[in-house]
Amino acid sequence: QVQLVESGGGLVQAGGSLRLSCAASGTIFTINVMGWYRQVPGKQRELVARIARDGSPNYADSVKGRFTISRDNAKNTVNLQMNSLKSEDTAVYYCNAIVRLTITSYAKDYWGQGTQVTVSS
């Protein structure tokens, strides 16, 4: 009932920047939290950054000071500005949203299909 579509991934040189975007659509009453996770082969998916509806963010220690997350509640979008990229940032990045479909329903997790970010050293 909710779809998340990511965009903005690609190849970039170490030290460069990328901006990821994610748009949520479907049956949505409220999106409590939106965020970005990443995953590399052989490892679990890990939190990169997340942001509450009021704009309060938090970040993984590995990206703090380099990445900035933002959201537009009216458009149901979330962005991730990635600066000073490192080779260890290479991963598939997934958009995540915790969504209440109706005023009486519990919030549930939804995921995008992922976008590849590759940082060359």
C-alpha atoms as a PDB file:
ATOM      1  CA  GLN A   1       0.000   0.000   0.000  1.00  0.00           C
ATOM      2  CA  VAL A   2       3.062   2.225   0.344  1.00  0.00           C
ATOM      3  CA  GLN A   3       5.809   2.494  -2.216  1.00  0.00           C
ATOM      4  CA  LEU A   4       9.237   4.039  -1.749  1.00  0.00           C
ATOM      5  CA  VAL A   5      11.326   4.949  -4.772  1.00  0.00           C
ATOM      6  CA  GLU A   6      14.969   5.963  -4.443  1.00  0.00           C
ATOM      7  CA  SER A   7      17.064   7.933  -6.882  1.00  0.00           C
ATOM      8  CA  GLY A   8      20.437   9.626  -7.056  1.00  0.00           C
ATOM      9  CA  GLY A   9      22.843   6.740  -6.714  1.00  0.00           C
ATOM     10  CA  GLY A  10      25.857   6.342  -8.927  1.00  0.00           C
ATOM     11  CA  LEU A  11      29.624   6.333  -9.134  1.00  0.00           C
ATOM     12  CA  VAL A  12      31.678   9.044  -7.514  1.00  0.00           C
ATOM     13  CA  GLN A  13      35.309   9.635  -6.702  1.00  0.00           C
ATOM     14  CA  ALA A  14      36.472   9.608  -3.100  1.00  0.00           C
ATOM     15  CA  GLY A  15      35.979  13.025  -1.590  1.00  0.00           C
ATOM     16  CA  GLY A  16      33.054  13.776  -3.853  1.00  0.00           C
ATOM     17  CA  SER A  17      29.368  14.187  -3.156  1.00  0.00           C
ATOM     18  CA  LEU A  18      26.048  12.599  -4.026  1.00  0.00           C
ATOM     19  CA  ARG A  19      22.477  13.408  -3.121  1.00  0.00           C
ATOM     20  CA  LEU A  20      19.975  10.590  -2.671  1.00  0.00           C
ATOM     21  CA  SER A  21      16.244  11.155  -2.817  1.00  0.00           C
ATOM     22  CA  CYS A  22      13.292   9.005  -1.844  1.00  0.00           C
ATOM     23  CA  ALA A  23       9.618   9.586  -2.516  1.00  0.00           C
ATOM     24  CA  ALA A  24       6.833   7.772  -0.694  1.00  0.00           C
ATOM     25  CA  SER A  25       3.440   7.248  -2.270  1.00  0.00           C
ATOM     26  CA  GLY A  26       0.262   5.318  -1.600  1.00  0.00           C
ATOM     27  CA  THR A  27      -2.036   5.209   1.396  1.00  0.00           C
ATOM     28  CA  ILE A  28      -0.358   7.429   3.969  1.00  0.00           C
ATOM     29  CA  PHE A  29      -1.759   9.140   7.016  1.00  0.00           C
ATOM     30  CA  THR A  30       1.515  10.008   8.693  1.00  0.00           C
ATOM     31  CA  ILE A  31       5.146   9.101   8.159  1.00  0.00           C
ATOM     32  CA  ASN A  32       6.646   9.068  11.625  1.00  0.00           C
ATOM     33  CA  VAL A  33      10.250   8.469  10.645  1.00  0.00           C
ATOM     34  CA  MET A  34      12.101   8.398   7.347  1.00  0.00           C
ATOM     35  CA  GLY A  35      15.633   7.202   6.956  1.00  0.00           C
ATOM     36  CA  TRP A  36      18.403   5.668   4.958  1.00  0.00           C
ATOM     37  CA  TYR A  37      20.095   2.334   5.488  1.00  0.00           C
ATOM     38  CA  ARG A  38      22.903   0.691   3.572  1.00  0.00           C
ATOM     39  CA  GLN A  39      24.116  -2.822   2.980  1.00  0.00           C
ATOM     40  CA  VAL A  40      27.239  -4.416   1.545  1.00  0.00           C
ATOM     41  CA  PRO A  41      27.758  -8.096   0.693  1.00  0.00           C
ATOM     42  CA  GLY A  42      28.321 -10.238   3.746  1.00  0.00           C
ATOM     43  CA  LYS A  43      27.086  -7.646   6.217  1.00  0.00           C
ATOM     44  CA  GLN A  44      23.790  -6.709   7.775  1.00  0.00           C
ATOM     45  CA  ARG A  45      21.866  -3.689   6.692  1.00  0.00           C
ATOM     46  CA  GLU A  46      22.866  -0.758   8.875  1.00  0.00           C
ATOM     47  CA  LEU A  47      21.343   2.568   9.717  1.00  0.00           C
ATOM     48  CA  VAL A  48      22.924   5.562   8.023  1.00  0.00           C
ATOM     49  CA  ALA A  49      20.600   8.352   9.090  1.00  0.00           C
ATOM     50  CA  ARG A  50      16.995   8.906  10.074  1.00  0.00           C
ATOM     51  CA  ILE A  51      14.772  11.869  10.690  1.00  0.00           C
ATOM     52  CA  ALA A  52      11.540  12.320  12.604  1.00  0.00           C
ATOM     53  CA  ARG A  53       8.562  14.281  11.381  1.00  0.00           C
ATOM     54  CA  ASP A  54       9.577  17.287  13.448  1.00  0.00           C
ATOM     55  CA  GLY A  55      12.962  17.333  11.731  1.00  0.00           C
ATOM     56  CA  SER A  56      15.021  15.770  14.506  1.00  0.00           C
ATOM     57  CA  PRO A  57      17.821  13.739  12.902  1.00  0.00           C
ATOM     58  CA  ASN A  58      20.293  11.178  14.044  1.00  0.00           C
ATOM     59  CA  TYR A  59      23.247   9.652  12.257  1.00  0.00           C
ATOM     60  CA  ALA A  60      25.532   6.702  12.374  1.00  0.00           C
ATOM     61  CA  ASP A  61      28.895   7.632  13.845  1.00  0.00           C
ATOM     62  CA  SER A  62      30.616   6.706  10.599  1.00  0.00           C
ATOM     63  CA  VAL A  63      28.783   9.395   8.620  1.00  0.00           C
ATOM     64  CA  LYS A  64      28.256  12.086  11.220  1.00  0.00           C
ATOM     65  CA  GLY A  65      29.560  15.408  10.005  1.00  0.00           C
ATOM     66  CA  ARG A  66      29.638  14.270   6.381  1.00  0.00           C
ATOM     67  CA  PHE A  67      26.022  13.366   5.605  1.00  0.00           C
ATOM     68  CA  THR A  68      22.907  15.462   6.081  1.00  0.00           C
ATOM     69  CA  ILE A  69      19.374  14.092   6.076  1.00  0.00           C
ATOM     70  CA  SER A  70      16.302  16.202   5.376  1.00  0.00           C
ATOM     71  CA  ARG A  71      12.632  15.649   4.631  1.00  0.00           C
ATOM     72  CA  ASP A  72       9.632  17.391   3.163  1.00  0.00           C
ATOM     73  CA  ASN A  73       6.490  16.315   4.982  1.00  0.00           C
ATOM     74  CA  ALA A  74       4.155  17.823   2.396  1.00  0.00           C
ATOM     75  CA  LYS A  75       5.795  15.854  -0.410  1.00  0.00           C
ATOM     76  CA  ASN A  76       6.550  12.701   1.604  1.00  0.00           C
ATOM     77  CA  THR A  77      10.157  12.798   0.529  1.00  0.00           C
ATOM     78  CA  VAL A  78      13.474  12.349   2.267  1.00  0.00           C
ATOM     79  CA  ASN A  79      16.923  13.281   1.016  1.00  0.00           C
ATOM     80  CA  LEU A  80      20.441  12.363   1.985  1.00  0.00           C
ATOM     81  CA  GLN A  81      23.232  14.737   1.076  1.00  0.00           C
ATOM     82  CA  MET A  82      26.494  12.817   1.159  1.00  0.00           C
ATOM     83  CA  ASN A  83      29.729  14.781   1.201  1.00  0.00           C
ATOM     84  CA  SER A  84      33.361  13.780   1.608  1.00  0.00           C
ATOM     85  CA  LEU A  85      32.547  10.294   0.422  1.00  0.00           C
ATOM     86  CA  LYS A  86      34.896   7.460   1.260  1.00  0.00           C
ATOM     87  CA  SER A  87      35.389   4.067  -0.318  1.00  0.00           C
ATOM     88  CA  GLU A  88      33.823   2.464   2.739  1.00  0.00           C
ATOM     89  CA  ASP A  89      30.584   4.292   1.925  1.00  0.00           C
ATOM     90  CA  THR A  90      30.144   1.999  -1.073  1.00  0.00           C
ATOM     91  CA  ALA A  91      26.908   0.080  -0.600  1.00  0.00           C
ATOM     92  CA  VAL A  92      23.343  -0.298  -1.711  1.00  0.00           C
ATOM     93  CA  TYR A  93      21.367   2.425   0.006  1.00  0.00           C
ATOM     94  CA  TYR A  94      17.770   1.752   1.003  1.00  0.00           C
ATOM     95  CA  CYS A  95      15.068   4.218   1.860  1.00  0.00           C
ATOM     96  CA  ASN A  96      12.972   3.379   4.903  1.00  0.00           C
ATOM     97  CA  ALA A  97       9.752   4.874   6.208  1.00  0.00           C
ATOM     98  CA  ILE A  98       7.678   4.124   9.287  1.00  0.00           C
ATOM     99  CA  VAL A  99       4.164   4.817   8.090  1.00  0.00           C
ATOM    100  CA  ARG A 100       0.731   5.035   9.656  1.00  0.00           C
ATOM    101  CA  LEU A 101      -1.785   4.247   6.935  1.00  0.00           C
ATOM    102  CA  THR A 102      -4.832   5.520   8.860  1.00  0.00           C
ATOM    103  CA  ILE A 103      -5.486   7.472  12.025  1.00  0.00           C
ATOM    104  CA  THR A 104      -6.289   4.255  13.918  1.00  0.00           C
ATOM    105  CA  SER A 105      -3.611   1.954  12.531  1.00  0.00           C
ATOM    106  CA  TYR A 106      -0.210   1.076  13.931  1.00  0.00           C
ATOM    107  CA  ALA A 107       2.874   2.285  12.151  1.00  0.00           C
ATOM    108  CA  LYS A 108       4.709  -0.177   9.928  1.00  0.00           C
ATOM    109  CA  ASP A 109       8.067  -0.319   8.176  1.00  0.00           C
ATOM    110  CA  TYR A 110       8.327   0.080   4.418  1.00  0.00           C
ATOM    111  CA  TRP A 111      11.408  -0.211   2.232  1.00  0.00           C
ATOM    112  CA  GLY A 112      12.548   0.908  -1.158  1.00  0.00           C
ATOM    113  CA  GLN A 113      14.352  -1.382  -3.566  1.00  0.00           C
ATOM    114  CA  GLY A 114      17.703   0.305  -3.106  1.00  0.00           C
ATOM    115  CA  THR A 115      20.110   2.393  -5.119  1.00  0.00           C
ATOM    116  CA  GLN A 116      23.787   1.614  -5.640  1.00  0.00           C
ATOM    117  CA  VAL A 117      26.430   4.044  -4.440  1.00  0.00           C
ATOM    118  CA  THR A 118      29.989   3.288  -5.481  1.00  0.00           C
ATOM    119  CA  VAL A 119      32.907   5.392  -4.292  1.00  0.00           C
ATOM    120  CA  SER A 120      36.184   4.871  -6.112  1.00  0.00           C
ATOM    121  CA  SER A 121      39.467   5.356  -4.291  1.00  0.00           C
END
